[in-house]
C-alpha atoms as a PDB file:
ATOM      1  CA  MET A   1     -31.776  79.294  75.837  1.00  0.00           C
ATOM      2  CA  THR A   2     -34.041  81.318  78.351  1.00  0.00           C
ATOM      3  CA  ASP A   3     -35.019  79.397  81.353  1.00  0.00           C
ATOM      4  CA  GLY A   4     -38.746  79.375  80.078  1.00  0.00           C
ATOM      5  CA  GLY A   5     -37.293  77.479  76.735  1.00  0.00           C
ATOM      6  CA  TRP A   6     -35.679  75.319  78.606  1.00  0.00           C
ATOM      7  CA  GLN A   7     -38.096  74.229  81.107  1.00  0.00           C
ATOM      8  CA  ALA A   8     -40.467  73.885  77.924  1.00  0.00           C
ATOM      9  CA  THR A   9     -37.947  71.719  76.095  1.00  0.00           C
ATOM     10  CA  MET A  10     -37.456  69.519  79.332  1.00  0.00           C
ATOM     11  CA  ASP A  11     -41.526  69.430  79.801  1.00  0.00           C
ATOM     12  CA  CYS A  12     -41.750  68.284  75.973  1.00  0.00           C
ATOM     13  CA  LEU A  13     -39.161  65.554  76.319  1.00  0.00           C
ATOM     14  CA  LYS A  14     -40.666  64.251  79.377  1.00  0.00           C
ATOM     15  CA  LEU A  15     -44.046  64.108  77.759  1.00  0.00           C
ATOM     16  CA  LYS A  16     -41.953  62.085  75.138  1.00  0.00           C
ATOM     17  CA  SER A  17     -40.612  59.546  77.157  1.00  0.00           C
ATOM     18  CA  ARG A  18     -44.160  58.890  79.203  1.00  0.00           C
ATOM     19  CA  ALA A  19     -45.342  58.320  75.637  1.00  0.00           C
ATOM     20  CA  ALA A  20     -43.053  55.986  74.768  1.00  0.00           C
ATOM     21  CA  LEU A  21     -43.285  54.214  78.018  1.00  0.00           C
ATOM     22  CA  ALA A  22     -47.027  53.747  77.264  1.00  0.00           C
ATOM     23  CA  LYS A  23     -45.822  52.974  73.781  1.00  0.00           C
ATOM     24  CA  LEU A  24     -48.780  55.461  72.418  1.00  0.00           C
ATOM     25  CA  PRO A  25     -48.913  54.237  68.646  1.00  0.00           C
ATOM     26  CA  LEU A  26     -49.874  51.057  69.131  1.00  0.00           C
ATOM     27  CA  CYS A  27     -52.039  51.623  72.278  1.00  0.00           C
ATOM     28  CA  LEU A  28     -53.915  53.896  69.807  1.00  0.00           C
ATOM     29  CA  PHE A  29     -54.110  51.236  67.104  1.00  0.00           C
ATOM     30  CA  ILE A  30     -55.487  48.807  70.118  1.00  0.00           C
ATOM     31  CA  GLY A  31     -58.105  51.508  71.102  1.00  0.00           C
ATOM     32  CA  PHE A  32     -59.226  51.841  67.374  1.00  0.00           C
ATOM     33  CA  SER A  33     -59.631  47.809  66.893  1.00  0.00           C
ATOM     34  CA  ALA A  34     -62.042  48.220  69.862  1.00  0.00           C
ATOM     35  CA  LEU A  35     -63.985  50.627  68.141  1.00  0.00           C
ATOM     36  CA  PHE A  36     -63.921  48.510  65.316  1.00  0.00           C
ATOM     37  CA  GLY A  37     -65.499  45.554  67.167  1.00  0.00           C
ATOM     38  CA  PHE A  38     -68.290  47.997  68.847  1.00  0.00           C
ATOM     39  CA  PHE A  39     -69.593  49.386  65.679  1.00  0.00           C
ATOM     40  CA  LEU A  40     -69.617  46.156  64.086  1.00  0.00           C
ATOM     41  CA  ALA A  41     -72.331  45.160  66.964  1.00  0.00           C
ATOM     42  CA  ASP A  42     -73.862  48.724  67.383  1.00  0.00           C
ATOM     43  CA  PRO A  43     -73.580  51.281  64.349  1.00  0.00           C
ATOM     44  CA  THR A  44     -75.493  53.857  66.255  1.00  0.00           C
ATOM     45  CA  GLY A  45     -73.468  54.150  69.709  1.00  0.00           C
ATOM     46  CA  TYR A  46     -71.242  56.913  69.060  1.00  0.00           C
ATOM     47  CA  LEU A  47     -70.857  58.065  72.915  1.00  0.00           C
ATOM     48  CA  SER A  48     -70.516  54.268  74.362  1.00  0.00           C
ATOM     49  CA  ALA A  49     -68.392  53.669  71.137  1.00  0.00           C
ATOM     50  CA  PHE A  50     -65.916  56.226  71.863  1.00  0.00           C
ATOM     51  CA  LEU A  51     -65.801  55.636  75.907  1.00  0.00           C
ATOM     52  CA  THR A  52     -65.264  51.985  74.500  1.00  0.00           C
ATOM     53  CA  GLY A  53     -61.958  53.162  72.643  1.00  0.00           C
ATOM     54  CA  ALA A  54     -60.877  55.383  75.303  1.00  0.00           C
ATOM     55  CA  GLY A  55     -60.933  52.970  78.329  1.00  0.00           C
ATOM     56  CA  ILE A  56     -59.426  49.753  76.010  1.00  0.00           C
ATOM     57  CA  PHE A  57     -56.914  52.517  75.181  1.00  0.00           C
ATOM     58  CA  PHE A  58     -56.086  53.347  78.623  1.00  0.00           C
ATOM     59  CA  LEU A  59     -56.123  49.928  79.662  1.00  0.00           C
ATOM     60  CA  ALA A  60     -53.571  49.092  76.711  1.00  0.00           C
ATOM     61  CA  ALA A  61     -51.548  51.919  77.830  1.00  0.00           C
ATOM     62  CA  GLY A  62     -51.260  50.772  81.388  1.00  0.00           C
ATOM     63  CA  ALA A  63     -50.470  47.168  80.034  1.00  0.00           C
ATOM     64  CA  ALA A  64     -47.798  48.523  78.041  1.00  0.00           C
ATOM     65  CA  THR A  65     -45.997  50.765  80.583  1.00  0.00           C
ATOM     66  CA  LEU A  66     -45.826  47.873  82.952  1.00  0.00           C
ATOM     67  CA  ASN A  67     -44.574  45.636  80.171  1.00  0.00           C
ATOM     68  CA  SER A  68     -41.448  48.208  80.017  1.00  0.00           C
ATOM     69  CA  ILE A  69     -40.842  47.879  83.383  1.00  0.00           C
ATOM     70  CA  GLN A  70     -41.187  44.051  83.481  1.00  0.00           C
ATOM     71  CA  GLU A  71     -38.499  43.895  80.245  1.00  0.00           C
ATOM     72  CA  HIS A  72     -36.370  47.373  81.178  1.00  0.00           C
ATOM     73  CA  HIS A  73     -33.185  44.824  81.521  1.00  0.00           C
ATOM     74  CA  ILE A  74     -33.964  43.034  78.317  1.00  0.00           C
ATOM     75  CA  ASP A  75     -34.410  46.274  76.300  1.00  0.00           C
ATOM     76  CA  ALA A  76     -31.018  47.438  77.086  1.00  0.00           C
ATOM     77  CA  HIS A  77     -29.563  44.583  74.893  1.00  0.00           C
ATOM     78  CA  PHE A  78     -31.203  45.520  71.636  1.00  0.00           C
ATOM     79  CA  GLU A  79     -30.631  48.102  69.272  1.00  0.00           C
ATOM     80  CA  ARG A  80     -34.507  48.583  68.739  1.00  0.00           C
ATOM     81  CA  THR A  81     -35.183  49.212  72.143  1.00  0.00           C
ATOM     82  CA  ARG A  82     -32.114  50.165  74.097  1.00  0.00           C
ATOM     83  CA  ASN A  83     -33.140  53.966  73.598  1.00  0.00           C
ATOM     84  CA  ARG A  84     -36.387  53.587  75.495  1.00  0.00           C
ATOM     85  CA  PRO A  85     -36.873  55.266  78.594  1.00  0.00           C
ATOM     86  CA  LEU A  86     -36.206  52.996  81.378  1.00  0.00           C
ATOM     87  CA  PRO A  87     -32.722  51.551  79.844  1.00  0.00           C
ATOM     88  CA  ARG A  88     -31.702  55.286  79.298  1.00  0.00           C
ATOM     89  CA  GLY A  89     -32.787  55.990  82.755  1.00  0.00           C
ATOM     90  CA  THR A  90     -34.708  59.076  81.443  1.00  0.00           C
ATOM     91  CA  VAL A  91     -37.962  57.742  83.747  1.00  0.00           C
ATOM     92  CA  SER A  92     -37.207  55.912  87.087  1.00  0.00           C
ATOM     93  CA  ARG A  93     -39.382  52.428  87.714  1.00  0.00           C
ATOM     94  CA  LEU A  94     -40.913  54.261  90.612  1.00  0.00           C
ATOM     95  CA  SER A  95     -42.541  56.797  88.192  1.00  0.00           C
ATOM     96  CA  ALA A  96     -42.978  54.270  85.523  1.00  0.00           C
ATOM     97  CA  GLY A  97     -44.952  52.170  88.371  1.00  0.00           C
ATOM     98  CA  ILE A  98     -47.283  55.290  89.380  1.00  0.00           C
ATOM     99  CA  GLN A  99     -48.004  55.721  85.372  1.00  0.00           C
ATOM    100  CA  THR A 100     -49.215  52.118  85.320  1.00  0.00           C
ATOM    101  CA  VAL A 101     -51.388  52.515  88.306  1.00  0.00           C
ATOM    102  CA  LEU A 102     -53.149  55.384  86.907  1.00  0.00           C
ATOM    103  CA  LEU A 103     -53.442  54.445  83.353  1.00  0.00           C
ATOM    104  CA  PHE A 104     -55.161  50.974  84.543  1.00  0.00           C
ATOM    105  CA  GLY A 105     -57.387  53.011  87.397  1.00  0.00           C
ATOM    106  CA  VAL A 106     -58.392  55.599  84.427  1.00  0.00           C
ATOM    107  CA  GLY A 107     -59.048  52.625  81.987  1.00  0.00           C
ATOM    108  CA  TRP A 108     -61.303  50.306  84.272  1.00  0.00           C
ATOM    109  CA  ILE A 109     -63.384  53.641  85.471  1.00  0.00           C
ATOM    110  CA  VAL A 110     -64.109  54.620  81.945  1.00  0.00           C
ATOM    111  CA  LEU A 111     -65.113  51.146  80.850  1.00  0.00           C
ATOM    112  CA  TYR A 112     -67.249  50.426  84.027  1.00  0.00           C
ATOM    113  CA  THR A 113     -69.238  53.405  82.692  1.00  0.00           C
ATOM    114  CA  VAL A 114     -70.083  52.215  79.541  1.00  0.00           C
ATOM    115  CA  VAL A 115     -70.651  47.964  80.011  1.00  0.00           C
ATOM    116  CA  LYS A 116     -73.831  46.634  80.414  1.00  0.00           C
ATOM    117  CA  ASN A 117     -72.763  43.499  82.589  1.00  0.00           C
ATOM    118  CA  GLY A 118     -69.533  41.920  84.001  1.00  0.00           C
ATOM    119  CA  PHE A 119     -68.739  39.867  81.068  1.00  0.00           C
ATOM    120  CA  PRO A 120     -66.816  42.372  79.031  1.00  0.00           C
ATOM    121  CA  LEU A 121     -64.933  43.377  82.095  1.00  0.00           C
ATOM    122  CA  GLY A 122     -63.889  40.242  82.784  1.00  0.00           C
ATOM    123  CA  VAL A 123     -62.433  39.508  79.501  1.00  0.00           C
ATOM    124  CA  ALA A 124     -60.365  42.819  79.481  1.00  0.00           C
ATOM    125  CA  MET A 125     -58.811  41.553  82.897  1.00  0.00           C
ATOM    126  CA  PHE A 126     -57.866  37.930  81.122  1.00  0.00           C
ATOM    127  CA  ALA A 127     -56.214  40.030  78.320  1.00  0.00           C
ATOM    128  CA  VAL A 128     -54.492  42.320  80.543  1.00  0.00           C
ATOM    129  CA  VAL A 129     -53.484  38.869  82.845  1.00  0.00           C
ATOM    130  CA  LEU A 130     -52.065  37.026  79.459  1.00  0.00           C
ATOM    131  CA  TYR A 131     -50.204  39.952  78.362  1.00  0.00           C
ATOM    132  CA  ASN A 132     -48.387  40.933  81.571  1.00  0.00           C
ATOM    133  CA  GLY A 133     -48.633  37.723  83.418  1.00  0.00           C
ATOM    134  CA  ILE A 134     -47.913  34.940  80.662  1.00  0.00           C
ATOM    135  CA  TYR A 135     -46.823  36.505  77.763  1.00  0.00           C
ATOM    136  CA  THR A 136     -44.120  38.916  78.867  1.00  0.00           C
ATOM    137  CA  PRO A 137     -42.494  36.341  81.279  1.00  0.00           C
ATOM    138  CA  LEU A 138     -42.664  33.609  78.756  1.00  0.00           C
ATOM    139  CA  LYS A 139     -40.738  35.719  76.034  1.00  0.00           C
ATOM    140  CA  THR A 140     -37.242  34.988  77.734  1.00  0.00           C
ATOM    141  CA  LYS A 141     -38.321  31.433  77.596  1.00  0.00           C
ATOM    142  CA  THR A 142     -39.968  30.332  74.243  1.00  0.00           C
ATOM    143  CA  VAL A 143     -40.952  31.056  70.999  1.00  0.00           C
ATOM    144  CA  LEU A 144     -44.368  29.693  71.923  1.00  0.00           C
ATOM    145  CA  ALA A 145     -44.917  33.068  74.211  1.00  0.00           C
ATOM    146  CA  ILE A 146     -46.224  34.526  70.721  1.00  0.00           C
ATOM    147  CA  VAL A 147     -49.708  32.157  71.192  1.00  0.00           C
ATOM    148  CA  PRO A 148     -51.063  33.895  74.383  1.00  0.00           C
ATOM    149  CA  GLY A 149     -49.549  37.246  73.149  1.00  0.00           C
ATOM    150  CA  ALA A 150     -51.706  37.023  69.639  1.00  0.00           C
ATOM    151  CA  LEU A 151     -54.643  36.135  71.712  1.00  0.00           C
ATOM    152  CA  CYS A 152     -54.366  38.689  74.622  1.00  0.00           C
ATOM    153  CA  GLY A 153     -54.348  41.459  71.147  1.00  0.00           C
ATOM    154  CA  ALA A 154     -57.239  39.378  69.636  1.00  0.00           C
ATOM    155  CA  LEU A 155     -59.455  39.920  72.171  1.00  0.00           C
ATOM    156  CA  VAL A 156     -59.671  43.906  72.319  1.00  0.00           C
ATOM    157  CA  PRO A 157     -62.182  43.790  68.925  1.00  0.00           C
ATOM    158  CA  TYR A 158     -64.076  41.406  70.688  1.00  0.00           C
ATOM    159  CA  ILE A 159     -64.396  43.337  73.944  1.00  0.00           C
ATOM    160  CA  GLY A 160     -65.705  46.265  71.757  1.00  0.00           C
ATOM    161  CA  TRP A 161     -68.420  43.888  70.037  1.00  0.00           C
ATOM    162  CA  LEU A 162     -69.522  42.387  73.645  1.00  0.00           C
ATOM    163  CA  ILE A 163     -69.729  46.050  74.891  1.00  0.00           C
ATOM    164  CA  GLY A 164     -71.490  47.306  71.574  1.00  0.00           C
ATOM    165  CA  GLY A 165     -74.232  44.409  72.657  1.00  0.00           C
ATOM    166  CA  GLY A 166     -72.935  41.597  70.197  1.00  0.00           C
ATOM    167  CA  GLU A 167     -73.865  38.136  71.127  1.00  0.00           C
ATOM    168  CA  LYS A 168     -70.746  36.072  72.868  1.00  0.00           C
ATOM    169  CA  THR A 169     -70.693  33.239  70.637  1.00  0.00           C
ATOM    170  CA  ALA A 170     -72.174  34.447  67.367  1.00  0.00           C
ATOM    171  CA  PHE A 171     -69.967  34.292  63.763  1.00  0.00           C
ATOM    172  CA  GLU A 172     -68.700  38.268  64.038  1.00  0.00           C
ATOM    173  CA  PRO A 173     -66.924  37.577  67.251  1.00  0.00           C
ATOM    174  CA  PHE A 174     -65.161  34.516  65.811  1.00  0.00           C
ATOM    175  CA  LEU A 175     -64.034  36.449  62.773  1.00  0.00           C
ATOM    176  CA  LEU A 176     -62.612  39.332  64.633  1.00  0.00           C
ATOM    177  CA  ILE A 177     -60.637  36.834  66.754  1.00  0.00           C
ATOM    178  CA  CYS A 178     -58.758  34.770  63.750  1.00  0.00           C
ATOM    179  CA  LEU A 179     -58.157  38.473  61.961  1.00  0.00           C
ATOM    180  CA  MET A 180     -56.250  39.451  64.906  1.00  0.00           C
ATOM    181  CA  VAL A 181     -54.466  36.731  65.364  1.00  0.00           C
ATOM    182  CA  LEU A 182     -53.439  36.193  61.851  1.00  0.00           C
ATOM    183  CA  TRP A 183     -52.443  39.767  61.589  1.00  0.00           C
ATOM    184  CA  GLN A 184     -50.237  39.245  64.958  1.00  0.00           C
ATOM    185  CA  ILE A 185     -48.246  36.537  64.187  1.00  0.00           C
ATOM    186  CA  PRO A 186     -46.376  38.234  60.928  1.00  0.00           C
ATOM    187  CA  HIS A 187     -46.850  41.379  62.510  1.00  0.00           C
ATOM    188  CA  PHE A 188     -44.212  40.209  65.053  1.00  0.00           C
ATOM    189  CA  TRP A 189     -42.209  37.824  62.287  1.00  0.00           C
ATOM    190  CA  LEU A 190     -41.473  41.212  60.558  1.00  0.00           C
ATOM    191  CA  ILE A 191     -40.152  42.865  63.608  1.00  0.00           C
ATOM    192  CA  ILE A 192     -37.926  40.137  64.133  1.00  0.00           C
ATOM    193  CA  LEU A 193     -36.657  39.846  60.437  1.00  0.00           C
ATOM    194  CA  HIS A 194     -35.872  43.577  60.477  1.00  0.00           C
ATOM    195  CA  TYR A 195     -34.047  43.513  63.532  1.00  0.00           C
ATOM    196  CA  ARG A 196     -32.501  40.121  62.714  1.00  0.00           C
ATOM    197  CA  ASP A 197     -29.054  41.031  63.873  1.00  0.00           C
ATOM    198  CA  ASP A 198     -30.875  41.932  67.759  1.00  0.00           C
ATOM    199  CA  TYR A 199     -32.643  38.220  67.727  1.00  0.00           C
ATOM    200  CA  GLN A 200     -29.838  36.258  66.507  1.00  0.00           C
ATOM    201  CA  LYS A 201     -27.821  37.390  69.468  1.00  0.00           C
ATOM    202  CA  GLY A 202     -29.816  34.791  71.261  1.00  0.00           C
ATOM    203  CA  VAL A 203     -30.688  37.055  74.582  1.00  0.00           C
ATOM    204  CA  ILE A 204     -34.476  36.102  73.837  1.00  0.00           C
ATOM    205  CA  PRO A 205     -35.670  32.520  71.833  1.00  0.00           C
ATOM    206  CA  SER A 206     -36.793  33.760  68.610  1.00  0.00           C
ATOM    207  CA  LEU A 207     -37.664  31.750  65.515  1.00  0.00           C
ATOM    208  CA  PHE A 208     -33.841  32.070  64.135  1.00  0.00           C
ATOM    209  CA  SER A 209     -33.295  29.598  66.793  1.00  0.00           C
ATOM    210  CA  TYR A 210     -35.259  26.894  64.578  1.00  0.00           C
ATOM    211  CA  PHE A 211     -35.505  28.209  60.890  1.00  0.00           C
ATOM    212  CA  LYS A 212     -33.529  30.153  58.374  1.00  0.00           C
ATOM    213  CA  GLU A 213     -34.572  33.446  57.149  1.00  0.00           C
ATOM    214  CA  THR A 214     -35.272  32.023  53.758  1.00  0.00           C
ATOM    215  CA  SER A 215     -37.760  29.391  55.919  1.00  0.00           C
ATOM    216  CA  ILE A 216     -39.495  32.182  57.771  1.00  0.00           C
ATOM    217  CA  ARG A 217     -40.167  34.147  54.423  1.00  0.00           C
ATOM    218  CA  ARG A 218     -41.810  30.910  52.943  1.00  0.00           C
ATOM    219  CA  LEU A 219     -44.007  30.871  55.980  1.00  0.00           C
ATOM    220  CA  PHE A 220     -45.366  34.020  55.243  1.00  0.00           C
ATOM    221  CA  ILE A 221     -47.136  33.300  52.045  1.00  0.00           C
ATOM    222  CA  THR A 222     -49.445  30.721  53.618  1.00  0.00           C
ATOM    223  CA  TRP A 223     -50.184  33.014  56.754  1.00  0.00           C
ATOM    224  CA  ILE A 224     -50.977  35.938  54.662  1.00  0.00           C
ATOM    225  CA  GLY A 225     -52.901  34.324  52.541  1.00  0.00           C
ATOM    226  CA  ALA A 226     -55.119  33.008  55.347  1.00  0.00           C
ATOM    227  CA  LEU A 227     -55.166  36.537  56.589  1.00  0.00           C
ATOM    228  CA  VAL A 228     -56.364  37.735  53.300  1.00  0.00           C
ATOM    229  CA  PHE A 229     -58.986  35.002  53.279  1.00  0.00           C
ATOM    230  CA  VAL A 230     -60.556  36.091  56.764  1.00  0.00           C
ATOM    231  CA  MET A 231     -60.296  39.669  55.844  1.00  0.00           C
ATOM    232  CA  ALA A 232     -62.175  38.642  52.814  1.00  0.00           C
ATOM    233  CA  LEU A 233     -64.928  37.309  54.757  1.00  0.00           C
ATOM    234  CA  PHE A 234     -65.979  40.335  56.320  1.00  0.00           C
ATOM    235  CA  SER A 235     -67.796  41.204  52.963  1.00  0.00           C
ATOM    236  CA  ILE A 236     -70.312  38.764  53.249  1.00  0.00           C
ATOM    237  CA  LEU A 237     -71.549  39.926  57.277  1.00  0.00           C
ATOM    238  CA  PRO A 238     -74.853  40.780  57.149  1.00  0.00           C
ATOM    239  CA  SER A 239     -74.035  43.904  58.680  1.00  0.00           C
ATOM    240  CA  VAL A 240     -71.816  44.628  56.016  1.00  0.00           C
ATOM    241  CA  ASN A 241     -74.562  45.466  53.276  1.00  0.00           C
ATOM    242  CA  ASP A 242     -73.090  48.419  51.253  1.00  0.00           C
ATOM    243  CA  ILE A 243     -71.527  47.274  47.972  1.00  0.00           C
ATOM    244  CA  THR A 244     -69.264  49.395  47.940  1.00  0.00           C
ATOM    245  CA  VAL A 245     -67.864  48.806  51.181  1.00  0.00           C
ATOM    246  CA  ARG A 246     -67.970  44.847  50.200  1.00  0.00           C
ATOM    247  CA  ILE A 247     -65.835  45.695  46.966  1.00  0.00           C
ATOM    248  CA  LEU A 248     -63.485  47.817  49.161  1.00  0.00           C
ATOM    249  CA  ILE A 249     -62.700  44.974  51.434  1.00  0.00           C
ATOM    250  CA  ILE A 250     -62.060  42.778  48.721  1.00  0.00           C
ATOM    251  CA  MET A 251     -59.495  45.127  46.872  1.00  0.00           C
ATOM    252  CA  ASN A 252     -57.851  45.845  50.079  1.00  0.00           C
ATOM    253  CA  SER A 253     -57.638  42.299  50.896  1.00  0.00           C
ATOM    254  CA  PHE A 254     -55.972  41.151  47.491  1.00  0.00           C
ATOM    255  CA  ALA A 255     -53.889  43.850  47.423  1.00  0.00           C
ATOM    256  CA  LEU A 256     -52.081  43.012  50.595  1.00  0.00           C
ATOM    257  CA  LEU A 257     -51.418  39.505  49.061  1.00  0.00           C
ATOM    258  CA  ILE A 258     -50.258  40.750  45.985  1.00  0.00           C
ATOM    259  CA  TRP A 259     -48.047  43.632  47.543  1.00  0.00           C
ATOM    260  CA  PHE A 260     -46.224  39.858  49.558  1.00  0.00           C
ATOM    261  CA  LEU A 261     -46.209  37.924  46.687  1.00  0.00           C
ATOM    262  CA  LEU A 262     -44.476  40.595  44.599  1.00  0.00           C
ATOM    263  CA  SER A 263     -42.359  41.429  47.513  1.00  0.00           C
ATOM    264  CA  PHE A 264     -40.866  37.813  48.162  1.00  0.00           C
ATOM    265  CA  GLY A 265     -41.092  36.806  44.684  1.00  0.00           C
ATOM    266  CA  MET A 266     -39.552  39.392  42.412  1.00  0.00           C
ATOM    267  CA  VAL A 267     -37.579  41.449  44.796  1.00  0.00           C
ATOM    268  CA  ARG A 268     -33.851  39.975  45.619  1.00  0.00           C
ATOM    269  CA  THR A 269     -33.524  41.859  49.169  1.00  0.00           C
ATOM    270  CA  VAL A 270     -36.693  42.597  50.897  1.00  0.00           C
ATOM    271  CA  ASN A 271     -37.725  45.773  53.057  1.00  0.00           C
ATOM    272  CA  TYR A 272     -39.256  44.415  55.974  1.00  0.00           C
ATOM    273  CA  LYS A 273     -39.682  47.505  57.532  1.00  0.00           C
ATOM    274  CA  LEU A 274     -41.906  48.936  54.482  1.00  0.00           C
ATOM    275  CA  LEU A 275     -43.530  45.401  54.723  1.00  0.00           C
ATOM    276  CA  PHE A 276     -44.407  45.900  58.513  1.00  0.00           C
ATOM    277  CA  SER A 277     -45.830  49.341  57.555  1.00  0.00           C
ATOM    278  CA  VAL A 278     -47.869  47.878  54.410  1.00  0.00           C
ATOM    279  CA  LEU A 279     -49.199  44.955  56.759  1.00  0.00           C
ATOM    280  CA  ASN A 280     -50.091  47.287  59.733  1.00  0.00           C
ATOM    281  CA  GLY A 281     -51.866  49.927  56.876  1.00  0.00           C
ATOM    282  CA  SER A 282     -53.846  47.375  55.392  1.00  0.00           C
ATOM    283  CA  LEU A 283     -55.282  46.321  58.602  1.00  0.00           C
ATOM    284  CA  PHE A 284     -56.022  49.840  59.761  1.00  0.00           C
ATOM    285  CA  LEU A 285     -57.870  50.515  56.234  1.00  0.00           C
ATOM    286  CA  HIS A 286     -60.061  47.373  56.427  1.00  0.00           C
ATOM    287  CA  MET A 287     -61.145  48.416  60.142  1.00  0.00           C
ATOM    288  CA  THR A 288     -61.731  51.591  58.813  1.00  0.00           C
ATOM    289  CA  ILE A 289     -63.829  50.781  55.884  1.00  0.00           C
ATOM    290  CA  ILE A 290     -65.613  48.402  57.869  1.00  0.00           C
ATOM    291  CA  THR A 291     -66.722  51.266  60.493  1.00  0.00           C
ATOM    292  CA  VAL A 292     -66.974  54.301  58.277  1.00  0.00           C
ATOM    293  CA  GLY A 293     -69.499  51.796  56.068  1.00  0.00           C
ATOM    294  CA  ASN A 294     -71.410  50.612  59.499  1.00  0.00           C
ATOM    295  CA  ILE A 295     -71.913  54.016  60.848  1.00  0.00           C
ATOM    296  CA  ARG A 296     -75.388  54.798  60.822  1.00  0.00           C
ATOM    297  CA  LEU A 297     -76.453  58.867  61.493  1.00  0.00           C
END
């Protein structure tokens, strides 16, 4: 390999390490959820919507990078995370810290350019504190850490709603928060079930400390049922007034429920990784249907 080719390969690996450090796919999803909340409130503010999504993406990437620093010693013990940049030593903690500061800085600046008042910025700051200051330290102490963890993620579309000019206490933000909380809990459970050998080691508290796998699976049906109900409620929102969009919301919601019922009721060996993709894909499709249906040219 030539010197130029070797350098290009090294640069590519560095970029991959930086993206892994910031958990890029997750942060893109978080940015899109902010966009979803914005367009629910304002279907015409394209530039502001883009800046909202971008600002939240950079904030989430900063929080994720800081989380990687906070948990690098724990990540080394898990099959799922031991190849992340910090446990492997491909990125130093100092370098990761610089990345955290830069991402946070860009995120705050972008959001500051688009907000009409300070309240959404306060909610965003609260979400970051919940994630890095409460959820992350609590993960090593109690399974209840999932509560602040789910709440900080649930606040993201609410921030988008607020920046889009939505009322603080309307029905829509309540529904947005319920949607994200009800999605995040089974999202995390599926990670635990797929990587159960990791979590059964007892490095951090998990549901396996309290329930058997069969009991956790039974919890899923009730939880997914509640999630599907909330997803379906979006079809009655005043802002969702297209009959095609309403039908697609209902179809997607019940398709998710049916998939989980069949997976847990008719299949002897459950593919948790596939269910993880189905759950996330269903939420993404739900947000996409409503966002595209709400946009006004």
